[in-house]
Amino acid sequence: MTRNDDPYAGQDAVDREASTLAGEEHVTSAQGRLILLWLIVLIPLAYGVFNTIEKSLALF
């Protein structure tokens, strides 16, 4: 990991430990892209599944 990708850049060791103990998680740009891409896939998928279930209810 390069210095620019360090989510703790600009923090001293005490701040870093405190944020770790507090459970704070930092999202890197790669993780953000991955989340965005999954949302692009999952939103239309959820819409399609919902419509399929809705139309299949007419059969019962």
Protein backbone atom coordinates (compact mmCIF):
# COMPACT_ATOMS: atom_id res chain seq x y z
CA MET A 1 0.00 0.00 0.00
CA THR A 2 1.44 3.32 -0.99
CA ARG A 3 1.46 6.33 1.27
CA ASN A 4 -1.39 7.95 -0.71
CA ASP A 5 -3.68 4.95 -0.12
CA ASP A 6 -3.10 4.98 3.64
CA PRO A 7 -6.51 5.67 5.26
CA TYR A 8 -4.68 6.82 8.40
CA ALA A 9 -2.51 9.41 6.65
CA GLY A 10 -2.15 12.48 8.80
CA GLN A 11 -2.96 10.68 12.06
CA ASP A 12 -0.50 9.95 14.78
CA ALA A 13 -0.21 6.51 16.39
CA VAL A 14 -2.59 7.39 19.25
CA ASP A 15 -5.31 8.59 16.86
CA ARG A 16 -4.82 5.49 14.72
CA GLU A 17 -5.20 3.18 17.71
CA ALA A 18 -8.23 5.08 19.01
CA SER A 19 -10.03 4.90 15.68
CA THR A 20 -9.22 1.20 15.42
CA LEU A 21 -10.55 0.53 18.92
CA ALA A 22 -13.68 2.54 18.14
CA GLY A 23 -14.39 0.20 15.23
CA GLU A 24 -14.02 2.83 12.53
CA GLU A 25 -13.39 1.34 9.13
CA HIS A 26 -11.97 3.35 6.29
CA VAL A 27 -13.15 2.65 2.76
CA THR A 28 -10.43 2.81 0.15
CA SER A 29 -11.13 3.91 -3.40
CA ALA A 30 -10.92 0.28 -4.60
CA GLN A 31 -13.51 -0.80 -2.03
CA GLY A 32 -15.73 2.12 -3.01
CA ARG A 33 -15.57 1.14 -6.68
CA LEU A 34 -16.39 -2.46 -5.79
CA ILE A 35 -19.42 -1.38 -3.77
CA LEU A 36 -20.61 0.85 -6.60
CA LEU A 37 -20.21 -1.90 -9.19
CA TRP A 38 -22.12 -4.39 -7.03
CA LEU A 39 -24.93 -1.85 -6.61
CA ILE A 40 -25.08 -1.43 -10.39
CA VAL A 41 -25.58 -5.20 -10.66
CA LEU A 42 -27.82 -5.81 -7.66
CA ILE A 43 -30.39 -3.03 -8.13
CA PRO A 44 -31.62 -4.27 -11.56
CA LEU A 45 -31.39 -7.86 -10.32
CA ALA A 46 -33.60 -7.08 -7.32
CA TYR A 47 -36.05 -5.27 -9.59
CA GLY A 48 -36.24 -8.27 -11.92
CA VAL A 49 -36.72 -10.74 -9.08
CA PHE A 50 -39.45 -8.55 -7.57
CA ASN A 51 -41.31 -8.32 -10.90
CA THR A 52 -41.00 -12.07 -11.46
CA ILE A 53 -42.43 -12.86 -8.03
CA GLU A 54 -45.18 -10.28 -8.48
CA LYS A 55 -46.25 -11.77 -11.83
CA SER A 56 -46.04 -15.33 -10.54
CA LEU A 57 -48.48 -14.53 -7.73
CA ALA A 58 -51.23 -14.30 -10.35
CA LEU A 59 -50.79 -18.05 -10.94
CA PHE A 60 -51.83 -18.91 -7.37
